[in-house]
Amino acid sequence: MADEGDYCTICGGTPPDKILIKQIIVDGKETGIDKLDWIIEEVQKLKLTNKEMIADEIMLRVAQFNYIPTKKKEAYREALLAEYQRSA
């Protein structure tokens, strides 16, 4: 049988050491963003200096792994950019 990914041997879900969800505050609510630390590292490697371009790149990458409600896109954008700036 081909390797189909990592699964917990106890519950069959994602192994605890593979969970990469970081909690940030979006629009006043704690929100989990999968792979956020990795996304921030990847965007930092681009050495962008324009905040709009940084926010665009983060949003693009976050949307690949996370659902972003249309009505909350601007709130996510602000929160993600703030998190990026804290990590710099």
C-alpha atoms as a PDB file:
ATOM      1  CA  MET A   1       0.000   0.000   0.000  1.00  0.00           C
ATOM      2  CA  ALA A   2       1.324   3.469  -0.895  1.00  0.00           C
ATOM      3  CA  ASP A   3       2.102   5.987   1.833  1.00  0.00           C
ATOM      4  CA  GLU A   4      -1.026   8.116   2.153  1.00  0.00           C
ATOM      5  CA  GLY A   5       0.254  10.580   4.750  1.00  0.00           C
ATOM      6  CA  ASP A   6       0.777  10.807   8.483  1.00  0.00           C
ATOM      7  CA  TYR A   7      -2.026   9.672  10.746  1.00  0.00           C
ATOM      8  CA  CYS A   8      -2.265   9.240  14.490  1.00  0.00           C
ATOM      9  CA  THR A   9      -1.924   5.561  15.410  1.00  0.00           C
ATOM     10  CA  ILE A  10      -4.450   6.058  18.226  1.00  0.00           C
ATOM     11  CA  CYS A  11      -7.284   8.102  16.716  1.00  0.00           C
ATOM     12  CA  GLY A  12      -6.493   8.111  12.973  1.00  0.00           C
ATOM     13  CA  GLY A  13      -6.422  11.918  12.820  1.00  0.00           C
ATOM     14  CA  THR A  14      -3.518  14.301  12.372  1.00  0.00           C
ATOM     15  CA  PRO A  15      -0.647  13.453  14.755  1.00  0.00           C
ATOM     16  CA  PRO A  16      -0.245  16.103  17.473  1.00  0.00           C
ATOM     17  CA  ASP A  17       3.332  16.875  16.383  1.00  0.00           C
ATOM     18  CA  LYS A  18       2.109  17.635  12.845  1.00  0.00           C
ATOM     19  CA  ILE A  19      -0.476  20.251  13.843  1.00  0.00           C
ATOM     20  CA  LEU A  20       0.834  23.633  12.751  1.00  0.00           C
ATOM     21  CA  ILE A  21      -2.098  25.856  13.684  1.00  0.00           C
ATOM     22  CA  LYS A  22      -1.280  29.192  15.299  1.00  0.00           C
ATOM     23  CA  GLN A  23      -3.881  31.271  17.107  1.00  0.00           C
ATOM     24  CA  ILE A  24      -4.145  34.981  16.284  1.00  0.00           C
ATOM     25  CA  ILE A  25      -6.802  37.587  17.022  1.00  0.00           C
ATOM     26  CA  VAL A  26      -8.951  38.400  13.968  1.00  0.00           C
ATOM     27  CA  ASP A  27     -11.704  40.957  14.452  1.00  0.00           C
ATOM     28  CA  GLY A  28     -11.560  40.474  18.232  1.00  0.00           C
ATOM     29  CA  LYS A  29     -11.797  36.669  18.103  1.00  0.00           C
ATOM     30  CA  GLU A  30      -9.068  34.063  18.547  1.00  0.00           C
ATOM     31  CA  THR A  31      -8.691  32.360  15.169  1.00  0.00           C
ATOM     32  CA  GLY A  32      -6.589  29.362  14.183  1.00  0.00           C
ATOM     33  CA  ILE A  33      -4.441  29.751  11.063  1.00  0.00           C
ATOM     34  CA  ASP A  34      -2.847  26.575   9.724  1.00  0.00           C
ATOM     35  CA  LYS A  35       0.849  26.805   8.745  1.00  0.00           C
ATOM     36  CA  LEU A  36       1.081  30.517   9.653  1.00  0.00           C
ATOM     37  CA  ASP A  37       4.648  30.400  10.988  1.00  0.00           C
ATOM     38  CA  TRP A  38       5.826  28.646   7.826  1.00  0.00           C
ATOM     39  CA  ILE A  39       3.914  31.109   5.607  1.00  0.00           C
ATOM     40  CA  ILE A  40       5.481  34.077   7.391  1.00  0.00           C
ATOM     41  CA  GLU A  41       8.955  32.567   6.984  1.00  0.00           C
ATOM     42  CA  GLU A  42       8.353  32.037   3.259  1.00  0.00           C
ATOM     43  CA  VAL A  43       7.081  35.602   2.743  1.00  0.00           C
ATOM     44  CA  GLN A  44      10.049  37.005   4.696  1.00  0.00           C
ATOM     45  CA  LYS A  45      12.363  35.243   2.240  1.00  0.00           C
ATOM     46  CA  LEU A  46      10.851  37.380  -0.547  1.00  0.00           C
ATOM     47  CA  LYS A  47      12.309  40.492   1.148  1.00  0.00           C
ATOM     48  CA  LEU A  48       9.284  42.613   0.249  1.00  0.00           C
ATOM     49  CA  THR A  49       9.218  46.143   1.668  1.00  0.00           C
ATOM     50  CA  ASN A  50       5.765  47.355   0.586  1.00  0.00           C
ATOM     51  CA  LYS A  51       3.108  46.541   3.230  1.00  0.00           C
ATOM     52  CA  GLU A  52       0.401  46.054   0.601  1.00  0.00           C
ATOM     53  CA  MET A  53       2.527  43.534  -1.301  1.00  0.00           C
ATOM     54  CA  ILE A  54       3.391  41.718   1.937  1.00  0.00           C
ATOM     55  CA  ALA A  55      -0.282  41.545   2.945  1.00  0.00           C
ATOM     56  CA  ASP A  56      -1.270  40.338  -0.557  1.00  0.00           C
ATOM     57  CA  GLU A  57       1.321  37.567  -0.448  1.00  0.00           C
ATOM     58  CA  ILE A  58       0.342  36.452   3.055  1.00  0.00           C
ATOM     59  CA  MET A  59      -3.360  36.404   2.168  1.00  0.00           C
ATOM     60  CA  LEU A  60      -2.696  34.393  -0.979  1.00  0.00           C
ATOM     61  CA  ARG A  61      -0.715  31.778   0.928  1.00  0.00           C
ATOM     62  CA  VAL A  62      -3.012  31.627   3.964  1.00  0.00           C
ATOM     63  CA  ALA A  63      -6.023  31.081   1.686  1.00  0.00           C
ATOM     64  CA  GLN A  64      -4.349  27.964   0.272  1.00  0.00           C
ATOM     65  CA  PHE A  65      -4.606  26.216   3.657  1.00  0.00           C
ATOM     66  CA  ASN A  66      -7.403  28.077   5.457  1.00  0.00           C
ATOM     67  CA  TYR A  67     -10.946  29.265   4.815  1.00  0.00           C
ATOM     68  CA  ILE A  68     -11.204  33.061   4.897  1.00  0.00           C
ATOM     69  CA  PRO A  69     -14.790  34.352   5.019  1.00  0.00           C
ATOM     70  CA  THR A  70     -15.388  36.965   2.314  1.00  0.00           C
ATOM     71  CA  LYS A  71     -16.873  39.446   4.812  1.00  0.00           C
ATOM     72  CA  LYS A  72     -13.813  39.110   7.051  1.00  0.00           C
ATOM     73  CA  LYS A  73     -11.051  39.390   4.424  1.00  0.00           C
ATOM     74  CA  GLU A  74      -9.979  42.875   5.491  1.00  0.00           C
ATOM     75  CA  ALA A  75      -9.914  41.883   9.171  1.00  0.00           C
ATOM     76  CA  TYR A  76      -7.803  38.818   8.319  1.00  0.00           C
ATOM     77  CA  ARG A  77      -5.510  40.969   6.179  1.00  0.00           C
ATOM     78  CA  GLU A  78      -4.900  43.423   9.035  1.00  0.00           C
ATOM     79  CA  ALA A  79      -4.374  40.674  11.632  1.00  0.00           C
ATOM     80  CA  LEU A  80      -2.024  38.685   9.405  1.00  0.00           C
ATOM     81  CA  LEU A  81       0.049  41.731   8.509  1.00  0.00           C
ATOM     82  CA  ALA A  82       0.312  42.638  12.212  1.00  0.00           C
ATOM     83  CA  GLU A  83       1.462  39.087  12.994  1.00  0.00           C
ATOM     84  CA  TYR A  84       4.025  39.296  10.179  1.00  0.00           C
ATOM     85  CA  GLN A  85       5.366  42.576  11.566  1.00  0.00           C
ATOM     86  CA  ARG A  86       5.638  41.063  15.086  1.00  0.00           C
ATOM     87  CA  SER A  87       7.678  38.199  13.615  1.00  0.00           C
ATOM     88  CA  ALA A  88      10.094  40.455  11.744  1.00  0.00           C
END
